């Protein structure tokens, strides 16, 4: 996390959640990327830290260690709970573009037709 971030102190001192967003949660990703959306973020408060509702997976953590990374701090957490929803796919961000996972192939070798 960037050292100048106002959130860094909270992350180092309080429980936090890591959310894996689904391919149907682009609006939520854009919101946290600084582009507020009209649909509010759905929060779930059922554990160590609030998490984003509807996510395919999440990890609730307590702070464990912070490591100097120059203008950033690498924050490590101890996972205290986690969960997943089957049948959902993650949202991907690669080379500046949002995407979803390719559909699984029926070919055991993984070849595409």
C-alpha atoms as a PDB file:
ATOM      1  CA  UNK A   1       0.000   0.000   0.000  1.00  0.00           C
ATOM      2  CA  UNK A   2       1.273   3.460  -0.805  1.00  0.00           C
ATOM      3  CA  UNK A   3       2.971   4.944   2.252  1.00  0.00           C
ATOM      4  CA  UNK A   4       1.040   8.239   1.897  1.00  0.00           C
ATOM      5  CA  UNK A   5      -2.367   6.499   1.906  1.00  0.00           C
ATOM      6  CA  UNK A   6      -4.690   7.512   4.746  1.00  0.00           C
ATOM      7  CA  UNK A   7      -5.828   3.889   4.947  1.00  0.00           C
ATOM      8  CA  UNK A   8      -2.385   2.490   5.747  1.00  0.00           C
ATOM      9  CA  UNK A   9      -2.653   3.148   9.501  1.00  0.00           C
ATOM     10  CA  UNK A  10      -6.014   1.370   9.647  1.00  0.00           C
ATOM     11  CA  UNK A  11      -4.668  -1.591   7.674  1.00  0.00           C
ATOM     12  CA  UNK A  12      -1.716  -2.004  10.041  1.00  0.00           C
ATOM     13  CA  UNK A  13      -3.831  -1.750  13.206  1.00  0.00           C
ATOM     14  CA  UNK A  14      -7.234  -3.317  12.489  1.00  0.00           C
ATOM     15  CA  UNK A  15      -8.669  -6.458  10.901  1.00  0.00           C
ATOM     16  CA  UNK A  16      -9.207  -6.228   7.139  1.00  0.00           C
ATOM     17  CA  UNK A  17     -10.720  -8.254   4.311  1.00  0.00           C
ATOM     18  CA  UNK A  18      -9.286  -9.215   0.946  1.00  0.00           C
ATOM     19  CA  UNK A  19     -12.079  -9.639  -1.616  1.00  0.00           C
ATOM     20  CA  UNK A  20     -11.889 -11.449  -4.956  1.00  0.00           C
ATOM     21  CA  UNK A  21     -14.394  -9.601  -7.138  1.00  0.00           C
ATOM     22  CA  UNK A  22     -16.594 -11.471  -9.591  1.00  0.00           C
ATOM     23  CA  UNK A  23     -16.866 -10.861 -13.310  1.00  0.00           C
ATOM     24  CA  UNK A  24     -20.278  -9.298 -12.566  1.00  0.00           C
ATOM     25  CA  UNK A  25     -18.768  -6.724 -10.148  1.00  0.00           C
ATOM     26  CA  UNK A  26     -17.030  -4.350 -12.563  1.00  0.00           C
ATOM     27  CA  UNK A  27     -18.960  -1.409 -11.087  1.00  0.00           C
ATOM     28  CA  UNK A  28     -17.517  -2.214  -7.639  1.00  0.00           C
ATOM     29  CA  UNK A  29     -13.985  -2.462  -9.056  1.00  0.00           C
ATOM     30  CA  UNK A  30     -14.402   0.899 -10.796  1.00  0.00           C
ATOM     31  CA  UNK A  31     -15.697   2.447  -7.561  1.00  0.00           C
ATOM     32  CA  UNK A  32     -12.522   1.437  -5.715  1.00  0.00           C
ATOM     33  CA  UNK A  33     -10.417   2.578  -8.673  1.00  0.00           C
ATOM     34  CA  UNK A  34     -11.660   6.126  -8.015  1.00  0.00           C
ATOM     35  CA  UNK A  35     -14.598   6.136 -10.443  1.00  0.00           C
ATOM     36  CA  UNK A  36     -17.699   6.192  -8.192  1.00  0.00           C
ATOM     37  CA  UNK A  37     -20.701   4.337  -9.597  1.00  0.00           C
ATOM     38  CA  UNK A  38     -24.423   4.875  -9.067  1.00  0.00           C
ATOM     39  CA  UNK A  39     -24.903   1.458  -7.431  1.00  0.00           C
ATOM     40  CA  UNK A  40     -23.639   1.422  -3.817  1.00  0.00           C
ATOM     41  CA  UNK A  41     -21.184  -1.219  -2.609  1.00  0.00           C
ATOM     42  CA  UNK A  42     -22.966  -4.023  -0.722  1.00  0.00           C
ATOM     43  CA  UNK A  43     -21.106  -4.661   2.537  1.00  0.00           C
ATOM     44  CA  UNK A  44     -21.399  -7.783   4.712  1.00  0.00           C
ATOM     45  CA  UNK A  45     -20.426  -7.466   8.377  1.00  0.00           C
ATOM     46  CA  UNK A  46     -20.238 -10.998   9.745  1.00  0.00           C
ATOM     47  CA  UNK A  47     -16.668 -11.499  10.907  1.00  0.00           C
ATOM     48  CA  UNK A  48     -13.368  -9.855  11.745  1.00  0.00           C
ATOM     49  CA  UNK A  49     -13.783  -7.141   9.103  1.00  0.00           C
ATOM     50  CA  UNK A  50     -16.455  -5.985   6.650  1.00  0.00           C
ATOM     51  CA  UNK A  51     -16.289  -7.675   3.252  1.00  0.00           C
ATOM     52  CA  UNK A  52     -17.886  -7.012  -0.116  1.00  0.00           C
ATOM     53  CA  UNK A  53     -21.114  -8.932  -0.648  1.00  0.00           C
ATOM     54  CA  UNK A  54     -21.475 -11.140  -3.692  1.00  0.00           C
ATOM     55  CA  UNK A  55     -17.745 -11.750  -4.127  1.00  0.00           C
ATOM     56  CA  UNK A  56     -16.651 -15.201  -5.329  1.00  0.00           C
ATOM     57  CA  UNK A  57     -14.090 -15.399  -2.511  1.00  0.00           C
ATOM     58  CA  UNK A  58     -12.883 -13.452   0.508  1.00  0.00           C
ATOM     59  CA  UNK A  59     -10.251 -13.654   3.245  1.00  0.00           C
ATOM     60  CA  UNK A  60     -10.758 -11.899   6.592  1.00  0.00           C
ATOM     61  CA  UNK A  61      -7.416 -11.098   8.203  1.00  0.00           C
ATOM     62  CA  UNK A  62      -5.782  -9.571  11.231  1.00  0.00           C
ATOM     63  CA  UNK A  63      -2.585  -7.544  10.708  1.00  0.00           C
ATOM     64  CA  UNK A  64       0.528  -9.682  11.051  1.00  0.00           C
ATOM     65  CA  UNK A  65       3.485  -7.700   9.640  1.00  0.00           C
ATOM     66  CA  UNK A  66       4.368  -4.665   7.562  1.00  0.00           C
ATOM     67  CA  UNK A  67       7.513  -4.493   5.427  1.00  0.00           C
ATOM     68  CA  UNK A  68       9.208  -1.431   3.995  1.00  0.00           C
ATOM     69  CA  UNK A  69       8.946  -1.187   0.238  1.00  0.00           C
ATOM     70  CA  UNK A  70      10.302   2.309  -0.350  1.00  0.00           C
ATOM     71  CA  UNK A  71       7.283   4.475  -1.107  1.00  0.00           C
ATOM     72  CA  UNK A  72       5.003   1.502  -0.304  1.00  0.00           C
ATOM     73  CA  UNK A  73       4.479  -0.826   2.652  1.00  0.00           C
ATOM     74  CA  UNK A  74       3.808  -4.523   2.076  1.00  0.00           C
ATOM     75  CA  UNK A  75       1.127  -5.522   4.573  1.00  0.00           C
ATOM     76  CA  UNK A  76       0.711  -9.180   5.495  1.00  0.00           C
ATOM     77  CA  UNK A  77      -2.332 -10.500   7.300  1.00  0.00           C
ATOM     78  CA  UNK A  78      -3.110 -13.676   9.198  1.00  0.00           C
ATOM     79  CA  UNK A  79      -6.239 -15.261   7.691  1.00  0.00           C
ATOM     80  CA  UNK A  80      -8.839 -15.790  10.422  1.00  0.00           C
ATOM     81  CA  UNK A  81     -11.746 -16.772   8.144  1.00  0.00           C
ATOM     82  CA  UNK A  82     -12.454 -17.234   4.461  1.00  0.00           C
ATOM     83  CA  UNK A  83     -15.245 -18.200   2.136  1.00  0.00           C
ATOM     84  CA  UNK A  84     -16.133 -18.830  -1.468  1.00  0.00           C
ATOM     85  CA  UNK A  85     -19.145 -19.095  -3.754  1.00  0.00           C
ATOM     86  CA  UNK A  86     -19.045 -21.900  -6.289  1.00  0.00           C
ATOM     87  CA  UNK A  87     -20.234 -21.294  -9.815  1.00  0.00           C
ATOM     88  CA  UNK A  88     -18.862 -17.757 -10.055  1.00  0.00           C
ATOM     89  CA  UNK A  89     -15.879 -16.431 -11.979  1.00  0.00           C
ATOM     90  CA  UNK A  90     -13.388 -13.773 -10.893  1.00  0.00           C
ATOM     91  CA  UNK A  91     -12.992 -10.372 -12.497  1.00  0.00           C
ATOM     92  CA  UNK A  92      -9.544 -10.000 -14.060  1.00  0.00           C
ATOM     93  CA  UNK A  93      -7.436  -6.912 -14.749  1.00  0.00           C
ATOM     94  CA  UNK A  94      -4.536  -7.542 -17.105  1.00  0.00           C
ATOM     95  CA  UNK A  95      -2.492  -5.151 -19.231  1.00  0.00           C
ATOM     96  CA  UNK A  96      -4.814  -2.261 -18.481  1.00  0.00           C
ATOM     97  CA  UNK A  97      -8.032  -4.078 -19.378  1.00  0.00           C
ATOM     98  CA  UNK A  98     -10.865  -5.731 -17.462  1.00  0.00           C
ATOM     99  CA  UNK A  99     -11.700  -9.291 -18.468  1.00  0.00           C
ATOM    100  CA  UNK A 100     -13.147 -12.613 -17.337  1.00  0.00           C
ATOM    101  CA  UNK A 101     -11.704 -16.116 -17.385  1.00  0.00           C
ATOM    102  CA  UNK A 102     -12.093 -18.092 -20.589  1.00  0.00           C
ATOM    103  CA  UNK A 103     -14.643 -20.892 -20.491  1.00  0.00           C
ATOM    104  CA  UNK A 104     -13.247 -24.302 -19.564  1.00  0.00           C
ATOM    105  CA  UNK A 105     -12.595 -26.651 -22.468  1.00  0.00           C
ATOM    106  CA  UNK A 106     -14.047 -30.143 -22.655  1.00  0.00           C
ATOM    107  CA  UNK A 107     -10.695 -31.282 -24.059  1.00  0.00           C
ATOM    108  CA  UNK A 108      -8.566 -32.880 -21.255  1.00  0.00           C
ATOM    109  CA  UNK A 109      -5.433 -31.544 -23.016  1.00  0.00           C
ATOM    110  CA  UNK A 110      -6.784 -27.988 -22.717  1.00  0.00           C
ATOM    111  CA  UNK A 111      -6.712 -27.421 -26.483  1.00  0.00           C
ATOM    112  CA  UNK A 112      -9.229 -25.090 -28.061  1.00  0.00           C
ATOM    113  CA  UNK A 113     -11.263 -26.161 -31.097  1.00  0.00           C
END
